[in-house]
Amino acid sequence: MHKVTKIQPIARHRLHVEFCDGIAGEIDLEDRLFGSVFEPLKNADVFAQVTIDEFGVICWPTGADLAPDALYDAISRRGNRD
């Protein structure tokens, strides 16, 4: 599993994500914020409460979380390395 080591919320439902092996990039979540767990993240203040749990998973107090492996695949396919 690819662990997230750093996360930074940036403009309009985007995250800058860094992984333990140095792969890094931005992910846009605006189109994915639906359903009872993700809907509250449309509020910028709630979205900004993003954290990383002890397993390297991106999560929010609403219970929403994002699988790091899927994010890693999306970012590495684009060739992003900051």
N, C-alpha and C. Protein backbone atom coordinates (compact mmCIF):
# COMPACT_ATOMS: atom_id res chain seq x y z
N MET A 1 0.84 -1.18 0.00
CA MET A 1 0.00 0.00 0.00
C MET A 1 0.88 1.25 0.00
N HIS A 2 0.48 2.23 -0.74
CA HIS A 2 1.18 3.51 -0.82
C HIS A 2 0.65 4.44 0.27
N LYS A 3 1.52 4.87 1.15
CA LYS A 3 1.09 5.75 2.25
C LYS A 3 1.26 7.21 1.88
N VAL A 4 0.24 7.99 2.19
CA VAL A 4 0.31 9.43 2.04
C VAL A 4 1.09 9.97 3.24
N THR A 5 2.05 10.84 2.97
CA THR A 5 2.86 11.42 4.05
C THR A 5 2.59 12.90 4.26
N LYS A 6 2.01 13.54 3.26
CA LYS A 6 1.74 14.98 3.36
C LYS A 6 0.51 15.30 2.52
N ILE A 7 -0.33 16.18 3.07
CA ILE A 7 -1.54 16.58 2.36
C ILE A 7 -1.77 18.07 2.56
N GLN A 8 -2.17 18.74 1.52
CA GLN A 8 -2.43 20.17 1.61
C GLN A 8 -3.67 20.50 0.79
N PRO A 9 -4.73 21.01 1.43
CA PRO A 9 -5.87 21.45 0.64
C PRO A 9 -5.49 22.72 -0.12
N ILE A 10 -5.87 22.78 -1.38
CA ILE A 10 -5.59 23.96 -2.20
C ILE A 10 -6.90 24.39 -2.85
N ALA A 11 -6.83 25.30 -3.73
CA ALA A 11 -8.02 25.92 -4.33
C ALA A 11 -9.10 24.93 -4.73
N ARG A 12 -10.30 25.28 -4.40
CA ARG A 12 -11.54 24.68 -4.89
C ARG A 12 -11.55 23.15 -4.96
N HIS A 13 -11.55 22.49 -3.81
CA HIS A 13 -11.69 21.04 -3.69
C HIS A 13 -10.56 20.26 -4.34
N ARG A 14 -9.38 20.84 -4.28
CA ARG A 14 -8.20 20.16 -4.78
C ARG A 14 -7.26 19.88 -3.61
N LEU A 15 -6.51 18.80 -3.74
CA LEU A 15 -5.52 18.44 -2.73
C LEU A 15 -4.17 18.25 -3.39
N HIS A 16 -3.14 18.73 -2.70
CA HIS A 16 -1.78 18.37 -3.10
C HIS A 16 -1.40 17.20 -2.20
N VAL A 17 -1.01 16.08 -2.79
CA VAL A 17 -0.76 14.85 -2.08
C VAL A 17 0.69 14.41 -2.31
N GLU A 18 1.37 14.02 -1.22
CA GLU A 18 2.72 13.47 -1.34
C GLU A 18 2.73 12.08 -0.70
N PHE A 19 3.41 11.15 -1.37
CA PHE A 19 3.51 9.77 -0.90
C PHE A 19 4.91 9.48 -0.35
N CYS A 20 5.02 8.39 0.38
CA CYS A 20 6.26 8.04 1.05
C CYS A 20 7.43 7.83 0.09
N ASP A 21 7.19 7.53 -1.17
CA ASP A 21 8.27 7.31 -2.13
C ASP A 21 8.61 8.55 -2.96
N GLY A 22 8.01 9.69 -2.62
CA GLY A 22 8.33 10.93 -3.33
C GLY A 22 7.37 11.30 -4.44
N ILE A 23 6.51 10.39 -4.86
CA ILE A 23 5.51 10.74 -5.87
C ILE A 23 4.58 11.78 -5.25
N ALA A 24 4.29 12.84 -6.01
CA ALA A 24 3.44 13.91 -5.50
C ALA A 24 2.66 14.52 -6.66
N GLY A 25 1.53 15.11 -6.33
CA GLY A 25 0.74 15.78 -7.35
C GLY A 25 -0.57 16.26 -6.78
N GLU A 26 -1.36 16.84 -7.65
CA GLU A 26 -2.66 17.38 -7.25
C GLU A 26 -3.78 16.47 -7.74
N ILE A 27 -4.83 16.45 -6.94
CA ILE A 27 -6.02 15.69 -7.31
C ILE A 27 -7.23 16.60 -7.11
N ASP A 28 -8.10 16.61 -8.10
CA ASP A 28 -9.31 17.43 -8.05
C ASP A 28 -10.48 16.54 -7.65
N LEU A 29 -11.12 16.87 -6.53
CA LEU A 29 -12.20 16.05 -6.02
C LEU A 29 -13.59 16.63 -6.25
N GLU A 30 -13.68 17.76 -6.89
CA GLU A 30 -14.96 18.46 -7.03
C GLU A 30 -16.06 17.56 -7.61
N ASP A 31 -15.74 16.76 -8.61
CA ASP A 31 -16.74 15.89 -9.24
C ASP A 31 -17.10 14.68 -8.39
N ARG A 32 -16.37 14.45 -7.31
CA ARG A 32 -16.57 13.24 -6.50
C ARG A 32 -17.25 13.51 -5.17
N LEU A 33 -17.65 14.74 -4.93
CA LEU A 33 -18.22 15.10 -3.63
C LEU A 33 -19.74 14.94 -3.63
N PHE A 34 -20.17 13.70 -3.60
CA PHE A 34 -21.60 13.40 -3.54
C PHE A 34 -21.81 12.24 -2.57
N GLY A 35 -23.02 12.08 -2.12
CA GLY A 35 -23.32 11.06 -1.13
C GLY A 35 -23.22 11.64 0.27
N SER A 36 -23.82 10.98 1.22
CA SER A 36 -23.94 11.53 2.57
C SER A 36 -22.60 11.77 3.27
N VAL A 37 -21.58 11.00 2.98
CA VAL A 37 -20.29 11.18 3.63
C VAL A 37 -19.47 12.29 2.96
N PHE A 38 -19.55 12.40 1.63
CA PHE A 38 -18.73 13.37 0.90
C PHE A 38 -19.40 14.72 0.69
N GLU A 39 -20.72 14.77 0.72
CA GLU A 39 -21.46 16.01 0.49
C GLU A 39 -20.99 17.16 1.40
N PRO A 40 -20.74 16.92 2.70
CA PRO A 40 -20.29 18.01 3.57
C PRO A 40 -18.95 18.64 3.14
N LEU A 41 -18.16 17.91 2.37
CA LEU A 41 -16.86 18.42 1.93
C LEU A 41 -16.99 19.53 0.90
N LYS A 42 -18.18 19.76 0.40
CA LYS A 42 -18.39 20.89 -0.51
C LYS A 42 -18.19 22.21 0.22
N ASN A 43 -18.35 22.20 1.53
CA ASN A 43 -18.08 23.36 2.37
C ASN A 43 -16.56 23.48 2.52
N ALA A 44 -15.99 24.61 2.12
CA ALA A 44 -14.53 24.80 2.13
C ALA A 44 -13.93 24.62 3.51
N ASP A 45 -14.63 25.05 4.56
CA ASP A 45 -14.11 24.91 5.92
C ASP A 45 -14.01 23.44 6.33
N VAL A 46 -14.99 22.65 5.94
CA VAL A 46 -14.97 21.22 6.24
C VAL A 46 -13.89 20.53 5.40
N PHE A 47 -13.81 20.88 4.13
CA PHE A 47 -12.81 20.29 3.24
C PHE A 47 -11.40 20.52 3.79
N ALA A 48 -11.17 21.69 4.36
CA ALA A 48 -9.85 22.06 4.89
C ALA A 48 -9.47 21.26 6.13
N GLN A 49 -10.39 20.51 6.70
CA GLN A 49 -10.11 19.70 7.89
C GLN A 49 -9.47 18.35 7.55
N VAL A 50 -9.00 18.21 6.34
CA VAL A 50 -8.39 16.96 5.87
C VAL A 50 -7.17 16.60 6.73
N THR A 51 -7.03 15.31 7.01
CA THR A 51 -5.89 14.81 7.77
C THR A 51 -5.42 13.49 7.15
N ILE A 52 -4.36 12.96 7.71
CA ILE A 52 -3.84 11.64 7.31
C ILE A 52 -3.89 10.77 8.55
N ASP A 53 -4.47 9.58 8.44
CA ASP A 53 -4.52 8.70 9.60
C ASP A 53 -3.22 7.90 9.73
N GLU A 54 -3.14 7.06 10.73
CA GLU A 54 -1.91 6.30 11.01
C GLU A 54 -1.56 5.30 9.92
N PHE A 55 -2.48 5.04 9.00
CA PHE A 55 -2.22 4.10 7.91
C PHE A 55 -1.86 4.81 6.60
N GLY A 56 -1.77 6.14 6.65
CA GLY A 56 -1.46 6.91 5.45
C GLY A 56 -2.66 7.13 4.55
N VAL A 57 -3.85 7.11 5.13
CA VAL A 57 -5.10 7.31 4.39
C VAL A 57 -5.57 8.74 4.63
N ILE A 58 -6.01 9.41 3.58
CA ILE A 58 -6.56 10.75 3.67
C ILE A 58 -7.97 10.64 4.23
N CYS A 59 -8.28 11.44 5.26
CA CYS A 59 -9.61 11.35 5.87
C CYS A 59 -10.08 12.70 6.41
N TRP A 60 -11.37 12.77 6.66
CA TRP A 60 -12.02 13.96 7.20
C TRP A 60 -12.87 13.56 8.40
N PRO A 61 -13.20 14.53 9.27
CA PRO A 61 -14.05 14.24 10.42
C PRO A 61 -15.45 13.75 10.05
N THR A 62 -15.89 13.96 8.83
CA THR A 62 -17.21 13.50 8.39
C THR A 62 -17.28 11.99 8.22
N GLY A 63 -16.11 11.32 8.25
CA GLY A 63 -16.05 9.89 7.98
C GLY A 63 -15.60 9.58 6.57
N ALA A 64 -15.49 10.60 5.74
CA ALA A 64 -15.02 10.41 4.36
C ALA A 64 -13.53 10.06 4.38
N ASP A 65 -13.15 9.17 3.50
CA ASP A 65 -11.73 8.87 3.31
C ASP A 65 -11.46 8.50 1.86
N LEU A 66 -10.20 8.55 1.50
CA LEU A 66 -9.79 8.26 0.12
C LEU A 66 -8.72 7.18 0.12
N ALA A 67 -8.91 6.18 -0.71
CA ALA A 67 -7.94 5.09 -0.81
C ALA A 67 -6.64 5.60 -1.42
N PRO A 68 -5.53 5.48 -0.70
CA PRO A 68 -4.27 6.00 -1.22
C PRO A 68 -3.80 5.32 -2.50
N ASP A 69 -4.07 4.04 -2.66
CA ASP A 69 -3.61 3.34 -3.86
C ASP A 69 -4.24 3.90 -5.13
N ALA A 70 -5.51 4.21 -5.08
CA ALA A 70 -6.19 4.78 -6.25
C ALA A 70 -5.64 6.16 -6.57
N LEU A 71 -5.40 6.97 -5.55
CA LEU A 71 -4.81 8.30 -5.76
C LEU A 71 -3.40 8.18 -6.33
N TYR A 72 -2.63 7.26 -5.78
CA TYR A 72 -1.26 7.05 -6.25
C TYR A 72 -1.25 6.69 -7.73
N ASP A 73 -2.12 5.77 -8.12
CA ASP A 73 -2.19 5.37 -9.53
C ASP A 73 -2.55 6.55 -10.42
N ALA A 74 -3.53 7.35 -9.99
CA ALA A 74 -3.95 8.50 -10.80
C ALA A 74 -2.83 9.52 -10.94
N ILE A 75 -2.12 9.79 -9.86
CA ILE A 75 -1.05 10.81 -9.90
C ILE A 75 0.16 10.28 -10.65
N SER A 76 0.55 9.04 -10.42
CA SER A 76 1.76 8.51 -11.08
C SER A 76 1.53 8.31 -12.58
N ARG A 77 0.30 8.01 -13.01
CA ARG A 77 0.02 7.87 -14.44
C ARG A 77 0.24 9.19 -15.18
N ARG A 78 -0.03 10.29 -14.49
CA ARG A 78 0.17 11.60 -15.10
C ARG A 78 1.64 12.01 -15.09
N GLY A 79 2.47 11.25 -14.39
CA GLY A 79 3.89 11.56 -14.35
C GLY A 79 4.22 12.72 -13.44
N ASN A 80 3.35 13.01 -12.47
CA ASN A 80 3.61 14.11 -11.55
C ASN A 80 4.66 13.70 -10.53
N ARG A 81 5.68 14.49 -10.43
CA ARG A 81 6.68 14.31 -9.39
C ARG A 81 7.18 15.70 -9.04
N ASP A 82 6.75 16.18 -7.87
CA ASP A 82 7.12 17.53 -7.44
C ASP A 82 8.44 17.52 -6.69
